[in-house]
Amino acid sequence: MAGKFELYKDKSDQYRFRLKAGNGETIAVGEAYASKNGALNGIDSIRRNAVDAVVDDQTDD
């Protein structure tokens, strides 16, 4: 099963989203948005930008 974005309202009546893996595990959580459209734009931004994103490892390991 493919992953999915879940769009929901939090206790403060703000829009949020989470990205869930195919096994149901939450793997990313978005910030709070005042509007549903803002949250959908956040999801779209992840879809567009994550494909080419590089890992910037800032650990000392």
PDB file of N, CA and C in Angstrom:
ATOM      1  N   MET A   1       0.838  -1.184   0.000  1.00  0.00           N
ATOM      2  CA  MET A   1       0.000   0.000   0.000  1.00  0.00           C
ATOM      3  C   MET A   1       0.883   1.248   0.000  1.00  0.00           C
ATOM      4  N   ALA A   2       0.499   2.232  -0.781  1.00  0.00           N
ATOM      5  CA  ALA A   2       1.265   3.475  -0.877  1.00  0.00           C
ATOM      6  C   ALA A   2       1.025   4.358   0.346  1.00  0.00           C
ATOM      7  N   GLY A   3       1.942   5.273   0.566  1.00  0.00           N
ATOM      8  CA  GLY A   3       1.772   6.240   1.642  1.00  0.00           C
ATOM      9  C   GLY A   3       0.641   7.203   1.323  1.00  0.00           C
ATOM     10  N   LYS A   4       0.261   7.997   2.326  1.00  0.00           N
ATOM     11  CA  LYS A   4      -0.815   8.961   2.116  1.00  0.00           C
ATOM     12  C   LYS A   4      -0.634  10.157   3.042  1.00  0.00           C
ATOM     13  N   PHE A   5      -1.172  11.282   2.615  1.00  0.00           N
ATOM     14  CA  PHE A   5      -1.254  12.468   3.446  1.00  0.00           C
ATOM     15  C   PHE A   5      -2.621  12.471   4.110  1.00  0.00           C
ATOM     16  N   GLU A   6      -2.656  12.716   5.413  1.00  0.00           N
ATOM     17  CA  GLU A   6      -3.905  12.878   6.137  1.00  0.00           C
ATOM     18  C   GLU A   6      -4.037  14.351   6.501  1.00  0.00           C
ATOM     19  N   LEU A   7      -5.135  14.966   6.115  1.00  0.00           N
ATOM     20  CA  LEU A   7      -5.429  16.360   6.417  1.00  0.00           C
ATOM     21  C   LEU A   7      -6.460  16.370   7.536  1.00  0.00           C
ATOM     22  N   TYR A   8      -6.205  17.150   8.583  1.00  0.00           N
ATOM     23  CA  TYR A   8      -7.117  17.153   9.731  1.00  0.00           C
ATOM     24  C   TYR A   8      -7.060  18.499  10.450  1.00  0.00           C
ATOM     25  N   LYS A   9      -8.000  18.717  11.363  1.00  0.00           N
ATOM     26  CA  LYS A   9      -8.002  19.901  12.216  1.00  0.00           C
ATOM     27  C   LYS A   9      -7.558  19.486  13.616  1.00  0.00           C
ATOM     28  N   ASP A  10      -6.708  20.315  14.220  1.00  0.00           N
ATOM     29  CA  ASP A  10      -6.233  20.025  15.570  1.00  0.00           C
ATOM     30  C   ASP A  10      -7.186  20.625  16.613  1.00  0.00           C
ATOM     31  N   LYS A  11      -6.840  20.499  17.874  1.00  0.00           N
ATOM     32  CA  LYS A  11      -7.688  20.988  18.967  1.00  0.00           C
ATOM     33  C   LYS A  11      -7.866  22.501  18.940  1.00  0.00           C
ATOM     34  N   SER A  12      -6.938  23.204  18.303  1.00  0.00           N
ATOM     35  CA  SER A  12      -7.012  24.668  18.193  1.00  0.00           C
ATOM     36  C   SER A  12      -7.746  25.107  16.934  1.00  0.00           C
ATOM     37  N   ASP A  13      -8.373  24.162  16.245  1.00  0.00           N
ATOM     38  CA  ASP A  13      -9.121  24.418  15.020  1.00  0.00           C
ATOM     39  C   ASP A  13      -8.222  24.879  13.876  1.00  0.00           C
ATOM     40  N   GLN A  14      -6.957  24.470  13.910  1.00  0.00           N
ATOM     41  CA  GLN A  14      -6.003  24.757  12.846  1.00  0.00           C
ATOM     42  C   GLN A  14      -5.898  23.524  11.943  1.00  0.00           C
ATOM     43  N   TYR A  15      -5.582  23.760  10.676  1.00  0.00           N
ATOM     44  CA  TYR A  15      -5.410  22.664   9.727  1.00  0.00           C
ATOM     45  C   TYR A  15      -3.985  22.132   9.809  1.00  0.00           C
ATOM     46  N   ARG A  16      -3.870  20.834   9.784  1.00  0.00           N
ATOM     47  CA  ARG A  16      -2.564  20.164   9.813  1.00  0.00           C
ATOM     48  C   ARG A  16      -2.596  18.977   8.876  1.00  0.00           C
ATOM     49  N   PHE A  17      -1.405  18.473   8.577  1.00  0.00           N
ATOM     50  CA  PHE A  17      -1.338  17.232   7.811  1.00  0.00           C
ATOM     51  C   PHE A  17      -0.225  16.368   8.367  1.00  0.00           C
ATOM     52  N   ARG A  18      -0.355  15.091   8.123  1.00  0.00           N
ATOM     53  CA  ARG A  18       0.711  14.142   8.448  1.00  0.00           C
ATOM     54  C   ARG A  18       0.867  13.209   7.260  1.00  0.00           C
ATOM     55  N   LEU A  19       2.089  12.763   7.043  1.00  0.00           N
ATOM     56  CA  LEU A  19       2.394  11.811   5.988  1.00  0.00           C
ATOM     57  C   LEU A  19       2.553  10.457   6.631  1.00  0.00           C
ATOM     58  N   LYS A  20       1.800   9.498   6.149  1.00  0.00           N
ATOM     59  CA  LYS A  20       1.866   8.152   6.705  1.00  0.00           C
ATOM     60  C   LYS A  20       2.423   7.190   5.659  1.00  0.00           C
ATOM     61  N   ALA A  21       3.270   6.291   6.113  1.00  0.00           N
ATOM     62  CA  ALA A  21       3.824   5.250   5.258  1.00  0.00           C
ATOM     63  C   ALA A  21       2.740   4.218   4.964  1.00  0.00           C
ATOM     64  N   GLY A  22       3.012   3.343   4.031  1.00  0.00           N
ATOM     65  CA  GLY A  22       2.059   2.302   3.664  1.00  0.00           C
ATOM     66  C   GLY A  22       1.649   1.411   4.812  1.00  0.00           C
ATOM     67  N   ASN A  23       2.531   1.289   5.826  1.00  0.00           N
ATOM     68  CA  ASN A  23       2.208   0.446   6.981  1.00  0.00           C
ATOM     69  C   ASN A  23       1.449   1.212   8.069  1.00  0.00           C
ATOM     70  N   GLY A  24       1.107   2.486   7.813  1.00  0.00           N
ATOM     71  CA  GLY A  24       0.343   3.281   8.760  1.00  0.00           C
ATOM     72  C   GLY A  24       1.172   4.118   9.715  1.00  0.00           C
ATOM     73  N   GLU A  25       2.483   3.957   9.672  1.00  0.00           N
ATOM     74  CA  GLU A  25       3.363   4.718  10.563  1.00  0.00           C
ATOM     75  C   GLU A  25       3.470   6.171  10.096  1.00  0.00           C
ATOM     76  N   THR A  26       3.347   7.117  11.033  1.00  0.00           N
ATOM     77  CA  THR A  26       3.524   8.533  10.715  1.00  0.00           C
ATOM     78  C   THR A  26       5.003   8.795  10.503  1.00  0.00           C
ATOM     79  N   ILE A  27       5.335   9.370   9.344  1.00  0.00           N
ATOM     80  CA  ILE A  27       6.743   9.620   9.037  1.00  0.00           C
ATOM     81  C   ILE A  27       7.060  11.108   8.898  1.00  0.00           C
ATOM     82  N   ALA A  28       6.044  11.961   8.837  1.00  0.00           N
ATOM     83  CA  ALA A  28       6.261  13.412   8.796  1.00  0.00           C
ATOM     84  C   ALA A  28       4.983  14.111   9.250  1.00  0.00           C
ATOM     85  N   VAL A  29       5.160  15.278   9.883  1.00  0.00           N
ATOM     86  CA  VAL A  29       4.029  16.065  10.362  1.00  0.00           C
ATOM     87  C   VAL A  29       4.244  17.511   9.934  1.00  0.00           C
ATOM     88  N   GLY A  30       3.198  18.115   9.391  1.00  0.00           N
ATOM     89  CA  GLY A  30       3.275  19.511   8.957  1.00  0.00           C
ATOM     90  C   GLY A  30       2.955  20.467  10.094  1.00  0.00           C
ATOM     91  N   GLU A  31       3.253  21.725   9.868  1.00  0.00           N
ATOM     92  CA  GLU A  31       2.949  22.774  10.836  1.00  0.00           C
ATOM     93  C   GLU A  31       1.460  23.085  10.810  1.00  0.00           C
ATOM     94  N   ALA A  32       1.008  23.956  11.694  1.00  0.00           N
ATOM     95  CA  ALA A  32      -0.392  24.372  11.735  1.00  0.00           C
ATOM     96  C   ALA A  32      -0.629  25.466  10.702  1.00  0.00           C
ATOM     97  N   TYR A  33      -1.768  25.401  10.040  1.00  0.00           N
ATOM     98  CA  TYR A  33      -2.170  26.382   9.041  1.00  0.00           C
ATOM     99  C   TYR A  33      -3.543  26.936   9.419  1.00  0.00           C
ATOM    100  N   ALA A  34      -3.749  28.218   9.174  1.00  0.00           N
ATOM    101  CA  ALA A  34      -5.031  28.844   9.481  1.00  0.00           C
ATOM    102  C   ALA A  34      -6.117  28.425   8.497  1.00  0.00           C
ATOM    103  N   SER A  35      -5.719  28.064   7.278  1.00  0.00           N
ATOM    104  CA  SER A  35      -6.700  27.702   6.265  1.00  0.00           C
ATOM    105  C   SER A  35      -6.409  26.310   5.695  1.00  0.00           C
ATOM    106  N   LYS A  36      -7.455  25.700   5.206  1.00  0.00           N
ATOM    107  CA  LYS A  36      -7.321  24.394   4.557  1.00  0.00           C
ATOM    108  C   LYS A  36      -6.445  24.523   3.316  1.00  0.00           C
ATOM    109  N   ASN A  37      -6.634  25.614   2.564  1.00  0.00           N
ATOM    110  CA  ASN A  37      -5.840  25.836   1.365  1.00  0.00           C
ATOM    111  C   ASN A  37      -4.349  25.948   1.697  1.00  0.00           C
ATOM    112  N   GLY A  38      -4.021  26.590   2.814  1.00  0.00           N
ATOM    113  CA  GLY A  38      -2.628  26.680   3.239  1.00  0.00           C
ATOM    114  C   GLY A  38      -2.029  25.312   3.502  1.00  0.00           C
ATOM    115  N   ALA A  39      -2.776  24.442   4.165  1.00  0.00           N
ATOM    116  CA  ALA A  39      -2.296  23.085   4.439  1.00  0.00           C
ATOM    117  C   ALA A  39      -2.129  22.303   3.149  1.00  0.00           C
ATOM    118  N   LEU A  40      -3.074  22.442   2.230  1.00  0.00           N
ATOM    119  CA  LEU A  40      -2.963  21.750   0.940  1.00  0.00           C
ATOM    120  C   LEU A  40      -1.765  22.254   0.152  1.00  0.00           C
ATOM    121  N   ASN A  41      -1.468  23.544   0.253  1.00  0.00           N
ATOM    122  CA  ASN A  41      -0.273  24.089  -0.396  1.00  0.00           C
ATOM    123  C   ASN A  41       0.994  23.518   0.236  1.00  0.00           C
ATOM    124  N   GLY A  42       0.978  23.303   1.560  1.00  0.00           N
ATOM    125  CA  GLY A  42       2.111  22.679   2.238  1.00  0.00           C
ATOM    126  C   GLY A  42       2.348  21.268   1.737  1.00  0.00           C
ATOM    127  N   ILE A  43       1.276  20.515   1.563  1.00  0.00           N
ATOM    128  CA  ILE A  43       1.385  19.154   1.021  1.00  0.00           C
ATOM    129  C   ILE A  43       1.950  19.198  -0.392  1.00  0.00           C
ATOM    130  N   ASP A  44       1.444  20.105  -1.204  1.00  0.00           N
ATOM    131  CA  ASP A  44       1.921  20.238  -2.580  1.00  0.00           C
ATOM    132  C   ASP A  44       3.400  20.595  -2.618  1.00  0.00           C
ATOM    133  N   SER A  45       3.834  21.462  -1.713  1.00  0.00           N
ATOM    134  CA  SER A  45       5.246  21.845  -1.659  1.00  0.00           C
ATOM    135  C   SER A  45       6.137  20.642  -1.354  1.00  0.00           C
ATOM    136  N   ILE A  46       5.704  19.817  -0.436  1.00  0.00           N
ATOM    137  CA  ILE A  46       6.478  18.608  -0.125  1.00  0.00           C
ATOM    138  C   ILE A  46       6.540  17.686  -1.335  1.00  0.00           C
ATOM    139  N   ARG A  47       5.419  17.500  -1.979  1.00  0.00           N
ATOM    140  CA  ARG A  47       5.382  16.633  -3.168  1.00  0.00           C
ATOM    141  C   ARG A  47       6.344  17.121  -4.240  1.00  0.00           C
ATOM    142  N   ARG A  48       6.408  18.431  -4.461  1.00  0.00           N
ATOM    143  CA  ARG A  48       7.261  18.990  -5.504  1.00  0.00           C
ATOM    144  C   ARG A  48       8.741  19.004  -5.126  1.00  0.00           C
ATOM    145  N   ASN A  49       9.049  19.331  -3.867  1.00  0.00           N
ATOM    146  CA  ASN A  49      10.434  19.561  -3.468  1.00  0.00           C
ATOM    147  C   ASN A  49      11.164  18.343  -2.931  1.00  0.00           C
ATOM    148  N   ALA A  50      10.459  17.384  -2.394  1.00  0.00           N
ATOM    149  CA  ALA A  50      11.116  16.238  -1.769  1.00  0.00           C
ATOM    150  C   ALA A  50      11.787  15.324  -2.789  1.00  0.00           C
ATOM    151  N   VAL A  51      11.312  15.329  -4.003  1.00  0.00           N
ATOM    152  CA  VAL A  51      11.859  14.448  -5.032  1.00  0.00           C
ATOM    153  C   VAL A  51      13.348  14.690  -5.235  1.00  0.00           C
ATOM    154  N   ASP A  52      13.761  15.941  -5.254  1.00  0.00           N
ATOM    155  CA  ASP A  52      15.157  16.292  -5.513  1.00  0.00           C
ATOM    156  C   ASP A  52      15.922  16.737  -4.269  1.00  0.00           C
ATOM    157  N   ALA A  53      15.310  16.599  -3.104  1.00  0.00           N
ATOM    158  CA  ALA A  53      15.952  17.075  -1.872  1.00  0.00           C
ATOM    159  C   ALA A  53      17.194  16.242  -1.543  1.00  0.00           C
ATOM    160  N   VAL A  54      18.219  16.918  -1.067  1.00  0.00           N
ATOM    161  CA  VAL A  54      19.435  16.247  -0.622  1.00  0.00           C
ATOM    162  C   VAL A  54      19.413  16.155   0.901  1.00  0.00           C
ATOM    163  N   VAL A  55      20.223  15.274   1.451  1.00  0.00           N
ATOM    164  CA  VAL A  55      20.345  15.156   2.904  1.00  0.00           C
ATOM    165  C   VAL A  55      21.503  16.039   3.348  1.00  0.00           C
ATOM    166  N   ASP A  56      21.232  16.980   4.228  1.00  0.00           N
ATOM    167  CA  ASP A  56      22.255  17.860   4.796  1.00  0.00           C
ATOM    168  C   ASP A  56      22.533  17.344   6.215  1.00  0.00           C
ATOM    169  N   ASP A  57      23.481  16.438   6.333  1.00  0.00           N
ATOM    170  CA  ASP A  57      23.801  15.807   7.612  1.00  0.00           C
ATOM    171  C   ASP A  57      24.620  16.765   8.468  1.00  0.00           C
ATOM    172  N   GLN A  58      24.010  17.274   9.517  1.00  0.00           N
ATOM    173  CA  GLN A  58      24.664  18.234  10.396  1.00  0.00           C
ATOM    174  C   GLN A  58      25.064  17.616  11.736  1.00  0.00           C
ATOM    175  N   THR A  59      25.146  16.299  11.744  1.00  0.00           N
ATOM    176  CA  THR A  59      25.585  15.612  12.971  1.00  0.00           C
ATOM    177  C   THR A  59      27.094  15.540  12.998  1.00  0.00           C
ATOM    178  N   ASP A  60      27.620  15.223  14.160  1.00  0.00           N
ATOM    179  CA  ASP A  60      29.065  15.076  14.299  1.00  0.00           C
ATOM    180  C   ASP A  60      29.534  13.652  14.077  1.00  0.00           C
ATOM    181  N   ASP A  61      28.616  12.755  13.778  1.00  0.00           N
ATOM    182  CA  ASP A  61      28.962  11.330  13.598  1.00  0.00           C
ATOM    183  C   ASP A  61      29.711  11.095  12.308  1.00  0.00           C
TER     184      ASP A  61
END
